[in-house]
Protein backbone atom coordinates (compact mmCIF):
# COMPACT_ATOMS: atom_id res chain seq x y z
CA UNK A 1 208.02 -38.63 -78.32
CA UNK A 2 204.30 -38.11 -77.34
CA UNK A 3 204.30 -34.62 -79.18
CA UNK A 4 205.72 -36.35 -82.35
CA UNK A 5 202.99 -39.38 -81.89
CA UNK A 6 200.21 -36.48 -81.66
CA UNK A 7 201.70 -34.84 -84.80
CA UNK A 8 201.52 -37.73 -86.84
CA UNK A 9 197.99 -38.90 -85.68
CA UNK A 10 196.89 -35.50 -86.60
CA UNK A 11 193.58 -34.06 -86.25
CA UNK A 12 192.07 -37.10 -87.90
CA UNK A 13 193.18 -39.06 -84.56
CA UNK A 14 191.70 -36.22 -82.42
CA UNK A 15 188.30 -36.90 -84.43
CA UNK A 16 188.38 -40.64 -84.24
CA UNK A 17 188.87 -40.11 -80.53
CA UNK A 18 185.64 -38.64 -80.16
CA UNK A 19 186.82 -35.50 -78.33
CA UNK A 20 184.29 -32.96 -77.40
CA UNK A 21 186.39 -30.17 -76.97
CA UNK A 22 189.09 -28.59 -79.02
CA UNK A 23 192.43 -28.74 -77.49
CA UNK A 24 194.25 -25.60 -76.45
CA UNK A 25 196.73 -25.97 -79.31
CA UNK A 26 194.16 -25.25 -81.91
CA UNK A 27 192.08 -22.68 -80.29
CA UNK A 28 192.50 -18.91 -81.66
CA UNK A 29 191.09 -15.51 -81.70
CA UNK A 30 188.28 -14.99 -83.89
CA UNK A 31 189.09 -12.96 -86.93
CA UNK A 32 187.35 -9.25 -86.58
CA UNK A 33 186.54 -9.16 -90.22
CA UNK A 34 183.16 -10.37 -91.09
CA UNK A 35 182.00 -13.14 -93.16
CA UNK A 36 179.56 -12.14 -95.89
CA UNK A 37 177.52 -14.02 -98.75
CA UNK A 38 177.61 -11.87 -101.49
CA UNK A 39 177.18 -12.73 -105.56
CA UNK A 40 179.53 -15.69 -106.52
CA UNK A 41 182.91 -15.52 -108.05
CA UNK A 42 183.00 -15.10 -111.82
CA UNK A 43 182.45 -18.43 -113.50
CA UNK A 44 184.43 -18.74 -116.93
CA UNK A 45 183.44 -21.32 -119.53
CA UNK A 46 186.75 -22.78 -121.05
CA UNK A 47 184.72 -24.65 -124.07
CA UNK A 48 186.14 -24.17 -127.47
CA UNK A 49 189.17 -21.78 -126.41
CA UNK A 50 191.50 -23.80 -128.40
CA UNK A 51 190.74 -21.90 -131.41
CA UNK A 52 190.51 -18.14 -132.37
CA UNK A 53 186.80 -17.67 -131.63
CA UNK A 54 184.39 -15.51 -129.76
CA UNK A 55 184.50 -17.84 -126.86
CA UNK A 56 188.29 -17.61 -126.81
CA UNK A 57 187.81 -13.71 -126.74
CA UNK A 58 185.12 -13.87 -124.15
CA UNK A 59 187.11 -16.24 -121.92
CA UNK A 60 190.16 -14.07 -122.24
CA UNK A 61 188.37 -10.80 -121.31
CA UNK A 62 186.69 -12.69 -118.27
CA UNK A 63 190.01 -13.89 -117.09
CA UNK A 64 191.49 -10.48 -117.13
CA UNK A 65 188.45 -8.44 -115.45
CA UNK A 66 188.15 -11.36 -112.75
CA UNK A 67 191.98 -11.55 -112.12
CA UNK A 68 191.85 -7.54 -111.54
CA UNK A 69 188.66 -7.59 -109.64
CA UNK A 70 188.79 -10.94 -107.43
CA UNK A 71 191.84 -12.51 -108.08
CA UNK A 72 189.68 -15.59 -107.88
CA UNK A 73 187.28 -17.32 -110.37
CA UNK A 74 185.99 -20.81 -111.49
CA UNK A 75 186.48 -22.37 -114.62
CA UNK A 76 183.98 -25.04 -116.19
CA UNK A 77 184.05 -26.59 -119.66
CA UNK A 78 187.88 -27.24 -119.15
CA UNK A 79 187.92 -30.73 -120.66
CA UNK A 80 189.11 -32.42 -117.17
CA UNK A 81 187.92 -36.03 -117.05
CA UNK A 82 184.71 -35.77 -114.40
CA UNK A 83 185.47 -39.50 -113.41
CA UNK A 84 189.14 -38.81 -112.73
CA UNK A 85 188.11 -35.88 -110.43
CA UNK A 86 185.65 -38.13 -108.62
CA UNK A 87 188.05 -40.94 -108.37
CA UNK A 88 190.70 -38.44 -106.96
CA UNK A 89 188.70 -37.11 -104.42
CA UNK A 90 187.69 -40.61 -103.42
CA UNK A 91 191.32 -41.79 -103.26
CA UNK A 92 192.02 -39.20 -100.41
CA UNK A 93 189.20 -40.14 -98.38
CA UNK A 94 190.59 -43.81 -98.77
CA UNK A 95 193.98 -42.72 -97.74
CA UNK A 96 193.01 -41.18 -94.31
CA UNK A 97 190.82 -44.25 -93.77
CA UNK A 98 193.97 -46.28 -93.51
CA UNK A 99 195.15 -47.43 -90.08
CA UNK A 100 197.45 -44.77 -88.70
CA UNK A 101 200.35 -47.52 -88.95
CA UNK A 102 200.19 -47.59 -92.64
CA UNK A 103 199.92 -43.73 -92.89
CA UNK A 104 202.46 -42.62 -90.24
CA UNK A 105 205.37 -43.98 -92.80
CA UNK A 106 204.96 -41.05 -94.75
CA UNK A 107 205.08 -38.48 -92.14
CA UNK A 108 207.32 -35.60 -92.56
CA UNK A 109 207.77 -31.90 -91.66
CA UNK A 110 210.64 -31.35 -94.39
CA UNK A 111 209.11 -28.95 -97.16
CA UNK A 112 211.79 -30.70 -99.55
CA UNK A 113 210.07 -33.95 -99.33
CA UNK A 114 208.44 -34.68 -102.60
CA UNK A 115 205.76 -36.90 -100.96
CA UNK A 116 204.75 -36.38 -97.55
CA UNK A 117 201.89 -36.77 -94.91
CA UNK A 118 201.67 -33.86 -92.66
CA UNK A 119 199.35 -31.98 -90.19
CA UNK A 120 198.70 -28.02 -89.70
CA UNK A 121 201.32 -26.31 -91.52
CA UNK A 122 204.64 -26.73 -89.47
CA UNK A 123 203.27 -27.91 -86.30
CA UNK A 124 206.63 -28.26 -84.39
CA UNK A 125 207.09 -24.40 -85.01
CA UNK A 126 203.66 -23.30 -84.32
CA UNK A 127 202.05 -22.06 -81.02
CA UNK A 128 198.47 -22.58 -83.00
CA UNK A 129 197.69 -25.39 -84.94
CA UNK A 130 195.35 -25.65 -87.67
CA UNK A 131 192.55 -28.23 -87.91
CA UNK A 132 193.80 -30.11 -90.93
CA UNK A 133 195.96 -32.98 -92.20
CA UNK A 134 197.26 -33.22 -95.54
CA UNK A 135 199.22 -35.04 -98.37
CA UNK A 136 201.73 -33.46 -100.59
CA UNK A 137 202.55 -34.78 -103.98
CA UNK A 138 205.40 -33.46 -106.26
CA UNK A 139 204.17 -33.61 -109.68
CA UNK A 140 206.48 -31.90 -111.99
CA UNK A 141 209.45 -32.59 -111.61
CA UNK A 142 207.42 -35.86 -110.13
CA UNK A 143 208.01 -38.23 -107.50
CA UNK A 144 209.82 -41.38 -108.20
CA UNK A 145 206.88 -44.21 -108.13
CA UNK A 146 208.69 -46.03 -105.19
CA UNK A 147 208.01 -42.86 -103.12
CA UNK A 148 204.24 -43.20 -103.51
CA UNK A 149 201.87 -45.33 -101.51
CA UNK A 150 201.22 -48.75 -102.01
CA UNK A 151 197.93 -48.55 -100.34
CA UNK A 152 195.23 -47.77 -101.38
CA UNK A 153 196.32 -50.09 -104.29
CA UNK A 154 195.01 -47.80 -106.72
CA UNK A 155 196.77 -44.80 -105.29
CA UNK A 156 199.68 -44.70 -108.17
CA UNK A 157 197.63 -44.84 -111.04
CA UNK A 158 194.99 -42.25 -109.95
CA UNK A 159 197.29 -39.72 -108.65
CA UNK A 160 199.80 -39.78 -111.39
CA UNK A 161 196.73 -39.61 -113.94
CA UNK A 162 195.26 -36.68 -112.17
CA UNK A 163 198.63 -34.89 -112.00
CA UNK A 164 199.25 -35.35 -115.75
CA UNK A 165 195.66 -34.29 -116.62
CA UNK A 166 195.96 -31.14 -114.51
CA UNK A 167 199.54 -30.41 -115.77
CA UNK A 168 198.08 -30.20 -119.24
CA UNK A 169 195.17 -28.30 -117.85
CA UNK A 170 197.56 -25.75 -115.99
CA UNK A 171 199.71 -24.97 -119.27
CA UNK A 172 196.35 -24.16 -121.16
CA UNK A 173 195.16 -21.47 -118.23
CA UNK A 174 198.92 -20.30 -118.38
CA UNK A 175 198.63 -19.29 -121.97
CA UNK A 176 195.28 -17.86 -121.56
CA UNK A 177 196.52 -15.73 -118.46
CA UNK A 178 199.41 -14.39 -120.73
CA UNK A 179 196.89 -13.45 -123.56
CA UNK A 180 194.66 -11.63 -120.78
CA UNK A 181 197.69 -9.36 -120.20
CA UNK A 182 198.13 -8.50 -123.76
CA UNK A 183 200.97 -10.71 -124.17
CA UNK A 184 201.76 -13.47 -126.67
CA UNK A 185 200.29 -16.96 -125.36
CA UNK A 186 203.68 -18.33 -124.53
CA UNK A 187 205.14 -15.17 -122.75
CA UNK A 188 204.35 -16.44 -119.21
CA UNK A 189 205.65 -19.90 -119.85
CA UNK A 190 208.63 -18.40 -121.33
CA UNK A 191 209.19 -16.22 -117.96
CA UNK A 192 208.67 -19.36 -116.09
CA UNK A 193 211.72 -21.06 -117.37
CA UNK A 194 210.33 -24.46 -116.57
CA UNK A 195 207.78 -25.65 -114.36
CA UNK A 196 207.12 -26.55 -111.00
CA UNK A 197 203.76 -28.40 -109.92
CA UNK A 198 202.63 -29.89 -106.79
CA UNK A 199 199.33 -31.18 -105.29
CA UNK A 200 198.23 -30.76 -101.70
CA UNK A 201 195.32 -33.09 -100.64
CA UNK A 202 193.70 -31.47 -97.54
CA UNK A 203 191.79 -33.20 -95.17
CA UNK A 204 189.42 -31.46 -92.75
CA UNK A 205 187.68 -33.96 -90.52
CA UNK A 206 184.56 -32.97 -88.13
CA UNK A 207 185.60 -30.56 -85.52
CA UNK A 208 183.66 -30.28 -82.32
CA UNK A 209 183.85 -26.51 -81.92
CA UNK A 210 184.48 -25.28 -85.56
CA UNK A 211 184.06 -21.69 -84.42
CA UNK A 212 187.14 -22.05 -81.95
CA UNK A 213 189.88 -22.94 -84.61
CA UNK A 214 190.42 -22.67 -88.40
CA UNK A 215 191.32 -25.33 -91.05
CA UNK A 216 193.83 -23.16 -92.96
CA UNK A 217 195.13 -19.88 -92.07
CA UNK A 218 194.61 -16.62 -94.06
CA UNK A 219 197.50 -16.56 -96.75
CA UNK A 220 198.38 -16.09 -100.22
CA UNK A 221 199.82 -18.77 -102.32
CA UNK A 222 203.35 -18.43 -103.17
CA UNK A 223 203.37 -20.10 -106.58
CA UNK A 224 202.07 -19.00 -109.94
CA UNK A 225 198.66 -19.87 -109.44
CA UNK A 226 196.41 -22.81 -108.16
CA UNK A 227 194.03 -24.87 -109.44
CA UNK A 228 191.54 -26.18 -106.84
CA UNK A 229 189.00 -28.76 -106.69
CA UNK A 230 186.40 -28.42 -103.84
CA UNK A 231 184.33 -31.15 -102.41
CA UNK A 232 180.90 -30.80 -103.25
CA UNK A 233 179.46 -32.71 -100.60
CA UNK A 234 180.52 -29.66 -98.17
CA UNK A 235 178.96 -26.33 -98.63
CA UNK A 236 181.28 -24.20 -96.64
CA UNK A 237 185.00 -24.56 -96.58
CA UNK A 238 186.98 -21.99 -98.79
CA UNK A 239 186.78 -18.20 -98.15
CA UNK A 240 188.50 -15.36 -99.85
CA UNK A 241 189.19 -11.93 -98.71
CA UNK A 242 187.19 -9.75 -100.88
CA UNK A 243 186.66 -5.88 -100.15
CA UNK A 244 187.86 -6.55 -96.44
CA UNK A 245 185.08 -9.11 -95.92
CA UNK A 246 185.57 -12.93 -96.01
CA UNK A 247 183.56 -14.48 -98.76
CA UNK A 248 182.51 -18.06 -99.01
CA UNK A 249 183.28 -19.85 -102.30
CA UNK A 250 180.22 -22.36 -102.91
CA UNK A 251 181.67 -25.62 -104.72
CA UNK A 252 180.33 -25.79 -108.13
CA UNK A 253 179.98 -29.44 -109.61
CA UNK A 254 182.35 -30.22 -112.20
CA UNK A 255 184.03 -26.72 -111.76
CA UNK A 256 187.59 -26.10 -110.68
CA UNK A 257 188.70 -22.78 -108.47
CA UNK A 258 191.56 -20.93 -110.01
CA UNK A 259 193.47 -18.39 -108.01
CA UNK A 260 196.21 -15.87 -108.51
CA UNK A 261 199.42 -16.59 -106.93
CA UNK A 262 202.40 -14.34 -105.88
CA UNK A 263 204.83 -15.13 -108.75
CA UNK A 264 201.99 -14.32 -111.35
CA UNK A 265 201.23 -10.96 -109.29
CA UNK A 266 205.16 -10.32 -109.51
CA UNK A 267 205.17 -10.99 -113.21
CA UNK A 268 202.16 -9.05 -114.09
CA UNK A 269 203.73 -5.99 -112.45
CA UNK A 270 200.92 -5.82 -109.82
CA UNK A 271 198.04 -5.93 -112.64
CA UNK A 272 197.00 -9.15 -111.13
CA UNK A 273 197.07 -10.08 -107.18
CA UNK A 274 197.40 -12.48 -105.21
CA UNK A 275 194.32 -12.93 -102.59
CA UNK A 276 194.43 -14.02 -98.97
CA UNK A 277 192.05 -16.87 -98.48
CA UNK A 278 191.52 -19.41 -95.35
CA UNK A 279 189.63 -22.53 -94.75
CA UNK A 280 186.85 -22.97 -92.05
CA UNK A 281 185.95 -26.35 -90.79
CA UNK A 282 182.61 -28.00 -89.76
CA UNK A 283 181.17 -30.25 -86.97
CA UNK A 284 179.17 -32.66 -89.15
CA UNK A 285 181.30 -33.75 -92.00
CA UNK A 286 184.96 -34.55 -93.46
CA UNK A 287 185.85 -32.02 -96.33
CA UNK A 288 188.60 -32.60 -98.60
CA UNK A 289 189.93 -30.25 -101.33
CA UNK A 290 192.83 -30.74 -103.98
CA UNK A 291 195.08 -28.01 -104.61
CA UNK A 292 197.24 -28.06 -107.64
CA UNK A 293 200.14 -25.43 -107.52
CA UNK A 294 201.59 -24.54 -110.77
CA UNK A 295 204.74 -22.31 -110.93
CA UNK A 296 208.18 -21.21 -112.23
CA UNK A 297 210.99 -23.74 -112.19
CA UNK A 298 212.92 -23.31 -108.77
CA UNK A 299 215.84 -21.95 -110.38
CA UNK A 300 213.99 -19.11 -112.44
CA UNK A 301 214.63 -15.46 -111.73
CA UNK A 302 211.28 -13.65 -111.45
CA UNK A 303 210.69 -10.03 -111.75
CA UNK A 304 208.07 -8.01 -113.52
CA UNK A 305 207.90 -8.78 -117.33
CA UNK A 306 209.79 -5.84 -119.39
CA UNK A 307 206.53 -5.78 -121.60
CA UNK A 308 204.57 -4.69 -118.41
CA UNK A 309 206.94 -1.93 -117.05
CA UNK A 310 206.96 1.52 -118.19
CA UNK A 311 207.90 5.04 -117.05
CA UNK A 312 204.15 5.42 -116.09
CA UNK A 313 204.20 1.90 -114.59
CA UNK A 314 207.83 1.25 -113.20
CA UNK A 315 208.67 -2.13 -111.60
CA UNK A 316 206.86 -2.93 -108.51
CA UNK A 317 209.03 -5.95 -107.34
CA UNK A 318 212.96 -6.88 -106.87
CA UNK A 319 213.77 -9.84 -108.97
CA UNK A 320 213.99 -12.99 -106.80
CA UNK A 321 214.77 -16.65 -107.31
CA UNK A 322 211.58 -18.54 -106.91
CA UNK A 323 213.40 -21.63 -105.05
CA UNK A 324 214.60 -18.88 -102.41
CA UNK A 325 211.03 -17.41 -102.33
CA UNK A 326 209.42 -20.85 -101.52
CA UNK A 327 211.96 -21.66 -98.90
CA UNK A 328 211.43 -18.32 -97.15
CA UNK A 329 207.45 -19.07 -97.43
CA UNK A 330 207.72 -22.57 -95.76
CA UNK A 331 210.19 -21.45 -93.14
CA UNK A 332 207.77 -19.04 -91.52
CA UNK A 333 204.13 -18.99 -90.51
CA UNK A 334 201.20 -18.49 -92.62
CA UNK A 335 200.69 -14.77 -92.68
CA UNK A 336 198.62 -13.01 -95.23
CA UNK A 337 200.55 -11.67 -97.73
CA UNK A 338 203.72 -11.00 -96.03
CA UNK A 339 205.67 -13.00 -98.34
CA UNK A 340 205.24 -10.85 -101.23
CA UNK A 341 206.23 -7.77 -99.35
CA UNK A 342 209.43 -8.98 -98.82
CA UNK A 343 210.41 -8.37 -102.69
CA UNK A 344 208.38 -5.33 -103.15
CA UNK A 345 210.40 -1.82 -104.04
């Protein structure tokens, strides 16, 4: 029972207790790959991309090169309401400010639960935990309103408005990804066979010894692509693996970070690649990020698109059912790009 109570309290409970040292289950060996600060990842302006214009052509070309060279880019001019971005960020802080009694009713380690609070990744199966608590919310198919928190009082209104606006943005980005691959704008949407959209609201409280632990282990996302809102109040957090080194992605006010997921790598037949990334923590300030995972319907069969397969470019991946792929991903620890290698020829 003590172990369960500890998991429910999460790292926020440790931070609130004022611990001076990181507990043993959070300590890990350092990553031998160095962290370097190099040029920023590409920033792509989506203003005026709804019409056939030089701006649209430039955005599509930029997405193509960024997806091939980096697997990550930031978008501005996306039209997402800035006030809604700010409200959603504050909402996550407000939820984790609630007494543990109000938060604990949502704790679950069931990855199929449409709304849940959790800590680390799968703490009951981990020998080393991550310095992170989180909320998971299914956006499409959506949660029942009754499954969502009644505290803070604004939770339902803000989170559902954010999810709806994000769903619209994700569909726009999906069309641009299609065109960047030389396809019709609806090709990837058709290949998705529907949609699965979920949010993960990550909460990283201050850590007394941040160099001894990690906020989120290195991994590639299993979905189609991810749109991430960073916390502009904290400089360091997200890092991506580029050319064998960890590169920090500095928050850009008003921007979203977009990254390739495994399903887009499969559909593109390896033209675009998902990229390992991780989150580091700090000793001074709580950091929040909001990841929106957009991907195919769970019953969709995903394989390289026929238009992108040829004699000189044979299929790199076996067909898989997306729901089965997700189940396998959530049943094991975060481990770089191990998941996609299970479906590679």
